[in-house]
Amino acid sequence: MDKLKKFDLMAKIARELEDVRNSQQAVLEKIGKIEVDNIELGDKTIETKLPDIYQRTADNADSIREILETFQQATDEFAEKNNVDKLREQQAINNIK
């Protein structure tokens, strides 16, 4: 795999990880709203099971954030080490010819 293709794939994965992180955050917010609504309703199943689901989801969100941060740093280092900006410029020049 050439360096630009590898970088593009790394960037795609980073975007997908960001999407997963955002999705996890949305799930946490929804769970929180359900817990608040259930205060008035008082459903015992929701009351007992939802906190565990929230905690597992929060733990997953933390893991995804850690992966994303580490992977983004690796992607940035790869781009710098392989001078991706210059490779893109050269690719654009080659495509014009």
C-alpha atoms as a PDB file:
ATOM      1  CA  MET A   1       0.000   0.000   0.000  1.00  0.00           C
ATOM      2  CA  ASP A   2       1.455   3.338  -0.943  1.00  0.00           C
ATOM      3  CA  LYS A   3       1.844   6.037   1.686  1.00  0.00           C
ATOM      4  CA  LEU A   4      -1.063   8.209   0.556  1.00  0.00           C
ATOM      5  CA  LYS A   5      -3.452   5.262   0.445  1.00  0.00           C
ATOM      6  CA  LYS A   6      -2.313   4.195   3.887  1.00  0.00           C
ATOM      7  CA  PHE A   7      -2.764   7.718   5.245  1.00  0.00           C
ATOM      8  CA  ASP A   8      -6.215   8.003   3.652  1.00  0.00           C
ATOM      9  CA  LEU A   9      -7.238   4.703   5.243  1.00  0.00           C
ATOM     10  CA  MET A  10      -5.900   5.843   8.605  1.00  0.00           C
ATOM     11  CA  ALA A  11      -7.833   9.116   8.284  1.00  0.00           C
ATOM     12  CA  LYS A  12     -11.000   7.187   7.359  1.00  0.00           C
ATOM     13  CA  ILE A  13     -10.638   4.952  10.409  1.00  0.00           C
ATOM     14  CA  ALA A  14     -10.099   8.017  12.615  1.00  0.00           C
ATOM     15  CA  ARG A  15     -13.328   9.559  11.248  1.00  0.00           C
ATOM     16  CA  GLU A  16     -15.195   6.312  11.870  1.00  0.00           C
ATOM     17  CA  LEU A  17     -13.867   6.129  15.425  1.00  0.00           C
ATOM     18  CA  GLU A  18     -15.033   9.721  15.926  1.00  0.00           C
ATOM     19  CA  ASP A  19     -18.482   8.708  14.659  1.00  0.00           C
ATOM     20  CA  VAL A  20     -18.552   5.793  17.107  1.00  0.00           C
ATOM     21  CA  ARG A  21     -17.501   8.124  19.929  1.00  0.00           C
ATOM     22  CA  ASN A  22     -20.300  10.548  19.030  1.00  0.00           C
ATOM     23  CA  SER A  23     -22.796   7.691  18.854  1.00  0.00           C
ATOM     24  CA  GLN A  24     -21.739   6.474  22.294  1.00  0.00           C
ATOM     25  CA  GLN A  25     -22.207   9.995  23.656  1.00  0.00           C
ATOM     26  CA  ALA A  26     -25.711  10.119  22.163  1.00  0.00           C
ATOM     27  CA  VAL A  27     -26.545   6.755  23.743  1.00  0.00           C
ATOM     28  CA  LEU A  28     -25.350   8.004  27.136  1.00  0.00           C
ATOM     29  CA  GLU A  29     -27.526  11.104  26.806  1.00  0.00           C
ATOM     30  CA  LYS A  30     -30.575   9.002  25.867  1.00  0.00           C
ATOM     31  CA  ILE A  31     -30.006   6.669  28.814  1.00  0.00           C
ATOM     32  CA  GLY A  32     -29.743   9.685  31.111  1.00  0.00           C
ATOM     33  CA  LYS A  33     -33.057  11.042  29.806  1.00  0.00           C
ATOM     34  CA  ILE A  34     -34.729   7.673  30.329  1.00  0.00           C
ATOM     35  CA  GLU A  35     -33.418   7.550  33.912  1.00  0.00           C
ATOM     36  CA  VAL A  36     -34.800  11.033  34.593  1.00  0.00           C
ATOM     37  CA  ASP A  37     -38.177  10.173  33.055  1.00  0.00           C
ATOM     38  CA  ASN A  38     -38.280   6.974  35.059  1.00  0.00           C
ATOM     39  CA  ILE A  39     -37.950   8.898  38.322  1.00  0.00           C
ATOM     40  CA  GLU A  40     -41.566   9.917  37.812  1.00  0.00           C
ATOM     41  CA  LEU A  41     -42.677   6.555  36.389  1.00  0.00           C
ATOM     42  CA  GLY A  42     -40.834   4.314  38.839  1.00  0.00           C
ATOM     43  CA  ASP A  43     -40.383   1.225  36.657  1.00  0.00           C
ATOM     44  CA  LYS A  44     -38.274  -1.209  38.692  1.00  0.00           C
ATOM     45  CA  THR A  45     -36.681  -2.963  35.699  1.00  0.00           C
ATOM     46  CA  ILE A  46     -35.463   0.345  34.268  1.00  0.00           C
ATOM     47  CA  GLU A  47     -34.374   1.457  37.725  1.00  0.00           C
ATOM     48  CA  THR A  48     -32.274  -1.650  38.349  1.00  0.00           C
ATOM     49  CA  LYS A  49     -30.901  -2.466  34.892  1.00  0.00           C
ATOM     50  CA  LEU A  50     -30.306   0.904  33.241  1.00  0.00           C
ATOM     51  CA  PRO A  51     -27.518   2.087  35.577  1.00  0.00           C
ATOM     52  CA  ASP A  52     -25.446  -0.973  34.627  1.00  0.00           C
ATOM     53  CA  ILE A  53     -26.068  -0.365  30.937  1.00  0.00           C
ATOM     54  CA  TYR A  54     -25.080   3.272  31.414  1.00  0.00           C
ATOM     55  CA  GLN A  55     -21.844   2.286  33.153  1.00  0.00           C
ATOM     56  CA  ARG A  56     -20.869  -0.255  30.491  1.00  0.00           C
ATOM     57  CA  THR A  57     -21.638   2.268  27.770  1.00  0.00           C
ATOM     58  CA  ALA A  58     -19.606   4.931  29.563  1.00  0.00           C
ATOM     59  CA  ASP A  59     -16.691   2.499  29.913  1.00  0.00           C
ATOM     60  CA  ASN A  60     -16.901   1.706  26.193  1.00  0.00           C
ATOM     61  CA  ALA A  61     -17.023   5.415  25.384  1.00  0.00           C
ATOM     62  CA  ASP A  62     -13.859   5.941  27.437  1.00  0.00           C
ATOM     63  CA  SER A  63     -12.128   3.076  25.621  1.00  0.00           C
ATOM     64  CA  ILE A  64     -13.148   4.432  22.240  1.00  0.00           C
ATOM     65  CA  ARG A  65     -11.873   7.890  23.208  1.00  0.00           C
ATOM     66  CA  GLU A  66      -8.524   6.397  24.247  1.00  0.00           C
ATOM     67  CA  ILE A  67      -8.259   4.428  20.994  1.00  0.00           C
ATOM     68  CA  LEU A  68      -9.190   7.505  18.979  1.00  0.00           C
ATOM     69  CA  GLU A  69      -6.620   9.708  20.718  1.00  0.00           C
ATOM     70  CA  THR A  70      -3.853   7.135  20.278  1.00  0.00           C
ATOM     71  CA  PHE A  71      -4.792   6.379  16.681  1.00  0.00           C
ATOM     72  CA  GLN A  72      -5.103  10.070  15.785  1.00  0.00           C
ATOM     73  CA  GLN A  73      -1.630  10.680  17.200  1.00  0.00           C
ATOM     74  CA  ALA A  74      -0.264   7.768  15.150  1.00  0.00           C
ATOM     75  CA  THR A  75      -1.996   9.133  12.038  1.00  0.00           C
ATOM     76  CA  ASP A  76      -0.528  12.600  12.613  1.00  0.00           C
ATOM     77  CA  GLU A  77       2.939  11.132  13.168  1.00  0.00           C
ATOM     78  CA  PHE A  78       2.626   9.051   9.993  1.00  0.00           C
ATOM     79  CA  ALA A  79       1.592  12.145   8.029  1.00  0.00           C
ATOM     80  CA  GLU A  80       4.521  14.136   9.369  1.00  0.00           C
ATOM     81  CA  LYS A  81       7.080  11.349   8.938  1.00  0.00           C
ATOM     82  CA  ASN A  82       5.983  10.651   5.366  1.00  0.00           C
ATOM     83  CA  ASN A  83       5.402  14.285   4.386  1.00  0.00           C
ATOM     84  CA  VAL A  84       1.854  13.592   3.239  1.00  0.00           C
ATOM     85  CA  ASP A  85       1.241  17.218   2.252  1.00  0.00           C
ATOM     86  CA  LYS A  86       4.107  17.097  -0.231  1.00  0.00           C
ATOM     87  CA  LEU A  87       2.939  13.717  -1.528  1.00  0.00           C
ATOM     88  CA  ARG A  88      -0.529  15.207  -2.116  1.00  0.00           C
ATOM     89  CA  GLU A  89       0.984  18.155  -3.979  1.00  0.00           C
ATOM     90  CA  GLN A  90       2.981  15.782  -6.164  1.00  0.00           C
ATOM     91  CA  GLN A  91      -0.086  13.659  -6.779  1.00  0.00           C
ATOM     92  CA  ALA A  92      -2.035  16.749  -7.875  1.00  0.00           C
ATOM     93  CA  ILE A  93       0.776  17.767 -10.240  1.00  0.00           C
ATOM     94  CA  ASN A  94       0.905  14.240 -11.677  1.00  0.00           C
ATOM     95  CA  ASN A  95      -2.860  14.246 -12.222  1.00  0.00           C
ATOM     96  CA  ILE A  96      -2.685  17.529 -14.155  1.00  0.00           C
ATOM     97  CA  LYS A  97      -0.165  16.157 -16.632  1.00  0.00           C
END
